[in-house]
Amino acid sequence: MSENTWLIPKPVGQVLGRLPGFPGSMLFVTALNVALARQLSPDVTEMLVGKKLRLRVLDAQWTFDFAWRNRRFVASQNAGTADLTISASAHDFVRLARRQEDPDTLFFNRRLTMEGDTELGLLVKNTIDAIELPVMNLESFKPQHVLPQAREHFKSLFAKLKPR
């Protein structure tokens, strides 16, 4: 592997870890539904029904709990024990999303772990490998791109609220 793993500094991770988990899980499942839900085959979704899934971002100390229900991913609160827990650093999850790293490589380098239902873990891994996902472009999240869009959004929002 040619690139070093970047980790969120421990004090930052401790602060992030104090944030409530459910709002983050809601944002996460929204992204999953936009990127994946419609592309999942019926045999995959059938195996996901009733399963509790957990994604752990180790260095950020974030945990996203979710499940598959009514043809979409839904956030879970206090999910208890998950059927499948996938854990890695934020950096490694981003590299996976951008297709810059292979899950098998991360797994064998002990940077990605799966705990719980092995069959479900293989189903998730093989499904993600088989789906054509858009490559995540972090360039669009840079402040110089986000701030002008936010400014225009708020301008139009306030214009609608102004009494005439």
N, C-alpha and C. Protein backbone atom coordinates (compact mmCIF):
# COMPACT_ATOMS: atom_id res chain seq x y z
N MET A 1 0.84 -1.17 0.00
CA MET A 1 0.00 0.00 0.00
C MET A 1 0.89 1.23 0.00
N SER A 2 0.57 2.19 -0.84
CA SER A 2 1.45 3.32 -1.04
C SER A 2 1.12 4.52 -0.15
N GLU A 3 -0.07 4.60 0.38
CA GLU A 3 -0.47 5.77 1.13
C GLU A 3 -0.63 5.45 2.61
N ASN A 4 -0.15 6.35 3.46
CA ASN A 4 -0.33 6.17 4.89
C ASN A 4 -1.78 6.43 5.26
N THR A 5 -2.22 5.79 6.32
CA THR A 5 -3.55 6.01 6.82
C THR A 5 -3.56 7.27 7.65
N TRP A 6 -4.50 8.13 7.36
CA TRP A 6 -4.67 9.35 8.12
C TRP A 6 -5.75 9.09 9.15
N LEU A 7 -5.49 9.43 10.41
CA LEU A 7 -6.47 9.24 11.48
C LEU A 7 -6.88 10.58 12.05
N ILE A 8 -8.15 10.67 12.41
CA ILE A 8 -8.63 11.86 13.10
C ILE A 8 -7.92 11.91 14.45
N PRO A 9 -7.38 13.06 14.84
CA PRO A 9 -6.69 13.14 16.14
C PRO A 9 -7.60 12.70 17.29
N LYS A 10 -7.02 12.01 18.26
CA LYS A 10 -7.79 11.44 19.36
C LYS A 10 -8.67 12.46 20.08
N PRO A 11 -8.16 13.67 20.42
CA PRO A 11 -9.05 14.64 21.09
C PRO A 11 -10.26 15.03 20.23
N VAL A 12 -10.07 15.14 18.93
CA VAL A 12 -11.19 15.46 18.04
C VAL A 12 -12.18 14.30 18.02
N GLY A 13 -11.66 13.08 17.94
CA GLY A 13 -12.52 11.90 17.97
C GLY A 13 -13.32 11.81 19.25
N GLN A 14 -12.70 12.18 20.37
CA GLN A 14 -13.41 12.15 21.65
C GLN A 14 -14.57 13.15 21.66
N VAL A 15 -14.35 14.32 21.07
CA VAL A 15 -15.42 15.31 20.99
C VAL A 15 -16.52 14.80 20.05
N LEU A 16 -16.14 14.29 18.89
CA LEU A 16 -17.12 13.77 17.93
C LEU A 16 -17.92 12.62 18.54
N GLY A 17 -17.25 11.79 19.33
CA GLY A 17 -17.90 10.65 19.96
C GLY A 17 -18.97 11.03 20.96
N ARG A 18 -18.98 12.27 21.41
CA ARG A 18 -20.00 12.73 22.36
C ARG A 18 -21.28 13.19 21.67
N LEU A 19 -21.22 13.34 20.35
CA LEU A 19 -22.42 13.75 19.61
C LEU A 19 -23.43 12.61 19.63
N PRO A 20 -24.72 12.94 19.66
CA PRO A 20 -25.73 11.88 19.63
C PRO A 20 -25.66 11.10 18.32
N GLY A 21 -25.84 9.79 18.42
CA GLY A 21 -25.67 8.93 17.25
C GLY A 21 -26.82 8.92 16.27
N PHE A 22 -28.05 9.09 16.75
CA PHE A 22 -29.20 8.93 15.87
C PHE A 22 -29.24 9.93 14.72
N PRO A 23 -28.99 11.23 14.95
CA PRO A 23 -29.00 12.15 13.79
C PRO A 23 -27.96 11.75 12.73
N GLY A 24 -26.80 11.30 13.17
CA GLY A 24 -25.78 10.85 12.22
C GLY A 24 -26.25 9.62 11.45
N SER A 25 -26.92 8.71 12.15
CA SER A 25 -27.46 7.52 11.48
C SER A 25 -28.50 7.91 10.44
N MET A 26 -29.31 8.93 10.75
CA MET A 26 -30.32 9.39 9.78
C MET A 26 -29.65 9.95 8.53
N LEU A 27 -28.60 10.75 8.71
CA LEU A 27 -27.88 11.28 7.55
C LEU A 27 -27.23 10.16 6.76
N PHE A 28 -26.65 9.21 7.47
CA PHE A 28 -25.98 8.09 6.81
C PHE A 28 -26.96 7.28 5.98
N VAL A 29 -28.13 6.94 6.54
CA VAL A 29 -29.08 6.12 5.77
C VAL A 29 -29.67 6.90 4.61
N THR A 30 -29.76 8.21 4.75
CA THR A 30 -30.22 9.02 3.62
C THR A 30 -29.25 8.88 2.46
N ALA A 31 -27.96 8.96 2.76
CA ALA A 31 -26.95 8.77 1.71
C ALA A 31 -27.00 7.35 1.14
N LEU A 32 -27.17 6.36 2.00
CA LEU A 32 -27.28 4.97 1.52
C LEU A 32 -28.48 4.80 0.60
N ASN A 33 -29.59 5.38 0.98
CA ASN A 33 -30.80 5.25 0.16
C ASN A 33 -30.63 5.92 -1.20
N VAL A 34 -29.97 7.06 -1.23
CA VAL A 34 -29.74 7.76 -2.50
C VAL A 34 -28.77 6.95 -3.37
N ALA A 35 -27.70 6.45 -2.76
CA ALA A 35 -26.65 5.78 -3.54
C ALA A 35 -26.94 4.31 -3.83
N LEU A 36 -27.62 3.61 -2.92
CA LEU A 36 -27.70 2.15 -3.05
C LEU A 36 -29.09 1.54 -3.17
N ALA A 37 -30.05 2.06 -2.44
CA ALA A 37 -31.31 1.35 -2.23
C ALA A 37 -31.95 0.85 -3.52
N ARG A 38 -31.99 1.66 -4.54
CA ARG A 38 -32.66 1.26 -5.79
C ARG A 38 -31.86 0.25 -6.59
N GLN A 39 -30.59 0.13 -6.29
CA GLN A 39 -29.74 -0.79 -7.04
C GLN A 39 -29.67 -2.18 -6.44
N LEU A 40 -30.22 -2.36 -5.25
CA LEU A 40 -30.14 -3.66 -4.58
C LEU A 40 -31.13 -4.63 -5.19
N SER A 41 -30.66 -5.84 -5.43
CA SER A 41 -31.53 -6.87 -6.00
C SER A 41 -32.46 -7.43 -4.93
N PRO A 42 -33.60 -7.98 -5.34
CA PRO A 42 -34.55 -8.52 -4.37
C PRO A 42 -33.97 -9.61 -3.46
N ASP A 43 -33.07 -10.44 -3.98
CA ASP A 43 -32.50 -11.49 -3.12
C ASP A 43 -31.61 -10.88 -2.03
N VAL A 44 -30.95 -9.77 -2.33
CA VAL A 44 -30.13 -9.08 -1.34
C VAL A 44 -31.03 -8.44 -0.28
N THR A 45 -32.05 -7.71 -0.73
CA THR A 45 -32.92 -7.03 0.23
C THR A 45 -33.67 -8.03 1.11
N GLU A 46 -33.99 -9.19 0.55
CA GLU A 46 -34.67 -10.23 1.32
C GLU A 46 -33.79 -10.69 2.49
N MET A 47 -32.49 -10.81 2.24
CA MET A 47 -31.57 -11.24 3.31
C MET A 47 -31.33 -10.13 4.34
N LEU A 48 -31.54 -8.87 3.95
CA LEU A 48 -31.32 -7.74 4.87
C LEU A 48 -32.50 -7.50 5.82
N VAL A 49 -33.68 -7.97 5.45
CA VAL A 49 -34.88 -7.73 6.26
C VAL A 49 -34.67 -8.30 7.67
N GLY A 50 -34.94 -7.46 8.64
CA GLY A 50 -34.85 -7.89 10.04
C GLY A 50 -33.44 -7.91 10.61
N LYS A 51 -32.46 -7.51 9.84
CA LYS A 51 -31.06 -7.51 10.31
C LYS A 51 -30.68 -6.13 10.81
N LYS A 52 -30.00 -6.10 11.94
CA LYS A 52 -29.48 -4.86 12.49
C LYS A 52 -28.04 -4.70 12.01
N LEU A 53 -27.76 -3.59 11.37
CA LEU A 53 -26.43 -3.32 10.84
C LEU A 53 -25.82 -2.14 11.58
N ARG A 54 -24.51 -2.18 11.73
CA ARG A 54 -23.80 -1.10 12.42
C ARG A 54 -22.52 -0.79 11.67
N LEU A 55 -22.29 0.49 11.47
CA LEU A 55 -21.04 0.97 10.88
C LEU A 55 -20.33 1.78 11.96
N ARG A 56 -19.10 1.40 12.27
CA ARG A 56 -18.33 2.10 13.30
C ARG A 56 -17.14 2.81 12.65
N VAL A 57 -17.08 4.12 12.83
CA VAL A 57 -15.95 4.91 12.35
C VAL A 57 -15.06 5.08 13.58
N LEU A 58 -14.02 4.27 13.63
CA LEU A 58 -13.24 4.11 14.85
C LEU A 58 -12.58 5.41 15.33
N ASP A 59 -11.89 6.12 14.46
CA ASP A 59 -11.15 7.29 14.92
C ASP A 59 -12.07 8.47 15.24
N ALA A 60 -13.25 8.53 14.62
CA ALA A 60 -14.21 9.59 14.91
C ALA A 60 -15.11 9.20 16.09
N GLN A 61 -15.02 7.95 16.50
CA GLN A 61 -15.86 7.40 17.58
C GLN A 61 -17.35 7.57 17.26
N TRP A 62 -17.70 7.39 15.98
CA TRP A 62 -19.09 7.46 15.52
C TRP A 62 -19.59 6.05 15.28
N THR A 63 -20.85 5.85 15.59
CA THR A 63 -21.50 4.58 15.30
C THR A 63 -22.83 4.88 14.62
N PHE A 64 -23.05 4.26 13.48
CA PHE A 64 -24.30 4.42 12.73
C PHE A 64 -25.04 3.09 12.77
N ASP A 65 -26.22 3.08 13.38
CA ASP A 65 -27.05 1.88 13.44
C ASP A 65 -28.19 2.03 12.45
N PHE A 66 -28.45 0.96 11.70
CA PHE A 66 -29.50 1.03 10.69
C PHE A 66 -29.98 -0.36 10.33
N ALA A 67 -31.07 -0.41 9.60
CA ALA A 67 -31.67 -1.68 9.17
C ALA A 67 -32.34 -1.46 7.82
N TRP A 68 -32.76 -2.55 7.19
CA TRP A 68 -33.51 -2.49 5.94
C TRP A 68 -34.98 -2.76 6.26
N ARG A 69 -35.85 -1.80 5.92
CA ARG A 69 -37.27 -1.94 6.20
C ARG A 69 -38.06 -1.20 5.13
N ASN A 70 -39.10 -1.82 4.64
CA ASN A 70 -40.00 -1.20 3.65
C ASN A 70 -39.25 -0.65 2.43
N ARG A 71 -38.37 -1.46 1.89
CA ARG A 71 -37.61 -1.17 0.67
C ARG A 71 -36.66 0.02 0.80
N ARG A 72 -36.17 0.26 2.02
CA ARG A 72 -35.19 1.32 2.22
C ARG A 72 -34.44 1.09 3.53
N PHE A 73 -33.31 1.78 3.64
CA PHE A 73 -32.56 1.75 4.89
C PHE A 73 -33.20 2.73 5.86
N VAL A 74 -33.27 2.35 7.13
CA VAL A 74 -33.81 3.23 8.16
C VAL A 74 -32.83 3.28 9.33
N ALA A 75 -32.73 4.45 9.94
CA ALA A 75 -31.86 4.62 11.10
C ALA A 75 -32.49 3.92 12.30
N SER A 76 -31.63 3.39 13.15
CA SER A 76 -32.09 2.74 14.38
C SER A 76 -31.50 3.48 15.57
N GLN A 77 -32.25 3.52 16.65
CA GLN A 77 -31.75 4.08 17.89
C GLN A 77 -31.52 2.96 18.87
N ASN A 78 -30.39 3.02 19.55
CA ASN A 78 -30.08 2.01 20.57
C ASN A 78 -30.36 0.59 20.04
N ALA A 79 -29.69 0.25 18.98
CA ALA A 79 -29.98 -1.02 18.29
C ALA A 79 -29.55 -2.25 19.09
N GLY A 80 -28.88 -2.09 20.23
CA GLY A 80 -28.41 -3.26 20.97
C GLY A 80 -27.32 -3.96 20.17
N THR A 81 -27.30 -5.25 20.23
CA THR A 81 -26.32 -6.02 19.48
C THR A 81 -26.70 -6.03 18.00
N ALA A 82 -25.73 -5.76 17.15
CA ALA A 82 -25.98 -5.75 15.71
C ALA A 82 -25.71 -7.14 15.13
N ASP A 83 -26.43 -7.45 14.06
CA ASP A 83 -26.16 -8.70 13.34
C ASP A 83 -24.83 -8.62 12.61
N LEU A 84 -24.48 -7.42 12.14
CA LEU A 84 -23.22 -7.20 11.45
C LEU A 84 -22.68 -5.83 11.82
N THR A 85 -21.42 -5.78 12.24
CA THR A 85 -20.74 -4.52 12.54
C THR A 85 -19.53 -4.42 11.63
N ILE A 86 -19.44 -3.33 10.90
CA ILE A 86 -18.30 -3.07 10.02
C ILE A 86 -17.56 -1.88 10.62
N SER A 87 -16.26 -2.02 10.86
CA SER A 87 -15.47 -0.98 11.51
C SER A 87 -14.23 -0.65 10.71
N ALA A 88 -13.90 0.64 10.66
CA ALA A 88 -12.67 1.12 10.01
C ALA A 88 -12.50 2.58 10.41
N SER A 89 -11.39 3.17 9.99
CA SER A 89 -11.17 4.60 10.23
C SER A 89 -11.96 5.40 9.19
N ALA A 90 -12.15 6.68 9.48
CA ALA A 90 -12.84 7.56 8.53
C ALA A 90 -12.09 7.58 7.20
N HIS A 91 -10.79 7.65 7.26
CA HIS A 91 -9.95 7.68 6.06
C HIS A 91 -10.17 6.44 5.20
N ASP A 92 -10.21 5.28 5.83
CA ASP A 92 -10.39 4.04 5.07
C ASP A 92 -11.80 3.94 4.49
N PHE A 93 -12.82 4.41 5.21
CA PHE A 93 -14.17 4.41 4.64
C PHE A 93 -14.24 5.35 3.43
N VAL A 94 -13.60 6.49 3.52
CA VAL A 94 -13.59 7.43 2.38
C VAL A 94 -12.88 6.78 1.20
N ARG A 95 -11.75 6.13 1.44
CA ARG A 95 -11.02 5.47 0.35
C ARG A 95 -11.87 4.35 -0.28
N LEU A 96 -12.64 3.64 0.54
CA LEU A 96 -13.54 2.62 -0.01
C LEU A 96 -14.62 3.27 -0.86
N ALA A 97 -15.22 4.35 -0.36
CA ALA A 97 -16.28 5.03 -1.10
C ALA A 97 -15.78 5.60 -2.42
N ARG A 98 -14.54 6.04 -2.43
CA ARG A 98 -13.97 6.62 -3.65
C ARG A 98 -13.37 5.55 -4.57
N ARG A 99 -13.48 4.29 -4.16
CA ARG A 99 -12.94 3.15 -4.93
C ARG A 99 -11.42 3.24 -5.08
N GLN A 100 -10.77 3.82 -4.08
CA GLN A 100 -9.31 3.91 -4.09
C GLN A 100 -8.69 2.75 -3.31
N GLU A 101 -9.52 2.02 -2.61
CA GLU A 101 -9.03 0.91 -1.80
C GLU A 101 -10.01 -0.23 -1.92
N ASP A 102 -9.48 -1.41 -1.89
CA ASP A 102 -10.27 -2.63 -1.99
C ASP A 102 -10.60 -3.13 -0.57
N PRO A 103 -11.85 -3.55 -0.31
CA PRO A 103 -12.19 -4.01 1.04
C PRO A 103 -11.36 -5.22 1.47
N ASP A 104 -11.03 -6.10 0.54
CA ASP A 104 -10.21 -7.26 0.89
C ASP A 104 -8.83 -6.84 1.38
N THR A 105 -8.23 -5.86 0.71
CA THR A 105 -6.92 -5.37 1.12
C THR A 105 -6.98 -4.79 2.52
N LEU A 106 -8.00 -3.97 2.78
CA LEU A 106 -8.15 -3.38 4.11
C LEU A 106 -8.38 -4.47 5.16
N PHE A 107 -9.19 -5.46 4.81
CA PHE A 107 -9.48 -6.55 5.74
C PHE A 107 -8.20 -7.32 6.09
N PHE A 108 -7.43 -7.70 5.07
CA PHE A 108 -6.24 -8.49 5.33
C PHE A 108 -5.12 -7.68 5.98
N ASN A 109 -5.19 -6.35 5.87
CA ASN A 109 -4.25 -5.48 6.57
C ASN A 109 -4.78 -5.06 7.94
N ARG A 110 -5.89 -5.67 8.36
CA ARG A 110 -6.52 -5.44 9.66
C ARG A 110 -6.94 -3.99 9.87
N ARG A 111 -7.32 -3.33 8.79
CA ARG A 111 -7.80 -1.95 8.87
C ARG A 111 -9.31 -1.89 8.70
N LEU A 112 -9.92 -3.00 8.33
CA LEU A 112 -11.37 -3.11 8.20
C LEU A 112 -11.77 -4.40 8.90
N THR A 113 -12.74 -4.31 9.80
CA THR A 113 -13.19 -5.52 10.48
C THR A 113 -14.69 -5.69 10.29
N MET A 114 -15.09 -6.94 10.26
CA MET A 114 -16.51 -7.30 10.23
C MET A 114 -16.74 -8.27 11.36
N GLU A 115 -17.72 -7.95 12.19
CA GLU A 115 -18.05 -8.82 13.32
C GLU A 115 -19.52 -9.21 13.21
N GLY A 116 -19.80 -10.44 13.56
CA GLY A 116 -21.19 -10.89 13.56
C GLY A 116 -21.43 -11.94 12.50
N ASP A 117 -22.54 -11.83 11.83
CA ASP A 117 -23.00 -12.80 10.83
C ASP A 117 -22.08 -12.77 9.61
N THR A 118 -21.27 -13.81 9.48
CA THR A 118 -20.29 -13.89 8.39
C THR A 118 -20.97 -13.91 7.02
N GLU A 119 -22.04 -14.67 6.91
CA GLU A 119 -22.76 -14.75 5.63
C GLU A 119 -23.30 -13.38 5.23
N LEU A 120 -23.84 -12.64 6.20
CA LEU A 120 -24.35 -11.30 5.93
C LEU A 120 -23.20 -10.37 5.54
N GLY A 121 -22.06 -10.51 6.20
CA GLY A 121 -20.89 -9.70 5.87
C GLY A 121 -20.43 -9.93 4.44
N LEU A 122 -20.38 -11.18 4.02
CA LEU A 122 -19.99 -11.49 2.63
C LEU A 122 -21.03 -10.97 1.64
N LEU A 123 -22.30 -11.06 2.00
CA LEU A 123 -23.36 -10.53 1.13
C LEU A 123 -23.18 -9.03 0.94
N VAL A 124 -22.95 -8.30 2.02
CA VAL A 124 -22.77 -6.85 1.95
C VAL A 124 -21.54 -6.52 1.11
N LYS A 125 -20.42 -7.18 1.38
CA LYS A 125 -19.17 -6.93 0.65
C LYS A 125 -19.34 -7.22 -0.85
N ASN A 126 -19.90 -8.38 -1.17
CA ASN A 126 -20.06 -8.76 -2.58
C ASN A 126 -21.07 -7.86 -3.29
N THR A 127 -22.10 -7.41 -2.59
CA THR A 127 -23.09 -6.51 -3.19
C THR A 127 -22.45 -5.18 -3.52
N ILE A 128 -21.69 -4.64 -2.58
CA ILE A 128 -21.04 -3.35 -2.82
C ILE A 128 -20.02 -3.47 -3.95
N ASP A 129 -19.30 -4.57 -3.99
CA ASP A 129 -18.34 -4.78 -5.09
C ASP A 129 -19.03 -4.84 -6.44
N ALA A 130 -20.24 -5.41 -6.48
CA ALA A 130 -20.93 -5.63 -7.76
C ALA A 130 -21.68 -4.40 -8.25
N ILE A 131 -22.03 -3.49 -7.37
CA ILE A 131 -22.83 -2.32 -7.75
C ILE A 131 -21.94 -1.24 -8.31
N GLU A 132 -22.43 -0.61 -9.36
CA GLU A 132 -21.74 0.54 -9.94
C GLU A 132 -22.10 1.77 -9.13
N LEU A 133 -21.22 2.15 -8.26
CA LEU A 133 -21.45 3.33 -7.43
C LEU A 133 -20.77 4.54 -8.06
N PRO A 134 -21.39 5.69 -7.91
CA PRO A 134 -20.67 6.89 -8.35
C PRO A 134 -19.46 7.08 -7.45
N VAL A 135 -18.37 7.51 -8.02
CA VAL A 135 -17.17 7.73 -7.23
C VAL A 135 -17.37 9.01 -6.43
N MET A 136 -17.14 8.91 -5.12
CA MET A 136 -17.33 10.05 -4.25
C MET A 136 -16.23 11.08 -4.51
N ASN A 137 -16.64 12.28 -4.89
CA ASN A 137 -15.70 13.34 -5.18
C ASN A 137 -15.71 14.34 -4.03
N LEU A 138 -14.66 14.33 -3.23
CA LEU A 138 -14.59 15.22 -2.07
C LEU A 138 -14.36 16.67 -2.46
N GLU A 139 -13.94 16.91 -3.68
CA GLU A 139 -13.70 18.28 -4.17
C GLU A 139 -14.94 19.15 -3.99
N SER A 140 -16.10 18.57 -4.22
CA SER A 140 -17.34 19.35 -4.14
C SER A 140 -17.70 19.73 -2.72
N PHE A 141 -17.03 19.17 -1.71
CA PHE A 141 -17.30 19.50 -0.31
C PHE A 141 -16.35 20.54 0.25
N LYS A 142 -15.41 21.03 -0.55
CA LYS A 142 -14.49 22.06 -0.08
C LYS A 142 -15.26 23.35 0.19
N PRO A 143 -14.84 24.10 1.20
CA PRO A 143 -15.57 25.33 1.55
C PRO A 143 -15.78 26.29 0.38
N GLN A 144 -14.81 26.41 -0.51
CA GLN A 144 -14.97 27.36 -1.63
C GLN A 144 -16.09 26.93 -2.58
N HIS A 145 -16.51 25.67 -2.52
CA HIS A 145 -17.63 25.21 -3.34
C HIS A 145 -18.94 25.22 -2.55
N VAL A 146 -18.86 24.83 -1.30
CA VAL A 146 -20.07 24.70 -0.47
C VAL A 146 -20.61 26.06 -0.05
N LEU A 147 -19.74 26.96 0.37
CA LEU A 147 -20.20 28.24 0.91
C LEU A 147 -20.98 29.09 -0.09
N PRO A 148 -20.53 29.23 -1.35
CA PRO A 148 -21.36 30.00 -2.30
C PRO A 148 -22.74 29.36 -2.53
N GLN A 149 -22.80 28.03 -2.55
CA GLN A 149 -24.09 27.37 -2.73
C GLN A 149 -24.99 27.61 -1.53
N ALA A 150 -24.40 27.55 -0.32
CA ALA A 150 -25.18 27.79 0.90
C ALA A 150 -25.67 29.24 0.93
N ARG A 151 -24.81 30.17 0.54
CA ARG A 151 -25.18 31.59 0.53
C ARG A 151 -26.38 31.81 -0.40
N GLU A 152 -26.32 31.23 -1.60
CA GLU A 152 -27.43 31.39 -2.56
C GLU A 152 -28.71 30.74 -2.03
N HIS A 153 -28.56 29.60 -1.41
CA HIS A 153 -29.73 28.91 -0.84
C HIS A 153 -30.40 29.77 0.23
N PHE A 154 -29.59 30.32 1.14
CA PHE A 154 -30.15 31.14 2.21
C PHE A 154 -30.70 32.46 1.68
N LYS A 155 -30.06 33.01 0.66
CA LYS A 155 -30.57 34.24 0.04
C LYS A 155 -31.98 34.02 -0.49
N SER A 156 -32.15 32.94 -1.24
CA SER A 156 -33.47 32.66 -1.81
C SER A 156 -34.48 32.32 -0.71
N LEU A 157 -34.04 31.66 0.34
CA LEU A 157 -34.92 31.32 1.45
C LEU A 157 -35.40 32.59 2.16
N PHE A 158 -34.47 33.52 2.44
CA PHE A 158 -34.84 34.76 3.12
C PHE A 158 -35.69 35.65 2.21
N ALA A 159 -35.45 35.61 0.93
CA ALA A 159 -36.26 36.40 -0.01
C ALA A 159 -37.72 35.94 0.04
N LYS A 160 -37.93 34.65 0.20
CA LYS A 160 -39.29 34.13 0.30
C LYS A 160 -39.95 34.51 1.60
N LEU A 161 -39.16 34.69 2.66
CA LEU A 161 -39.71 35.02 3.98
C LEU A 161 -39.99 36.51 4.15
N LYS A 162 -39.41 37.36 3.32
CA LYS A 162 -39.59 38.81 3.42
C LYS A 162 -41.04 39.17 3.17
N PRO A 163 -41.60 40.00 4.05
CA PRO A 163 -42.98 40.46 3.77
C PRO A 163 -42.98 41.43 2.60
N ARG A 164 -43.98 41.36 1.80
CA ARG A 164 -44.06 42.22 0.59
C ARG A 164 -45.10 43.27 0.76
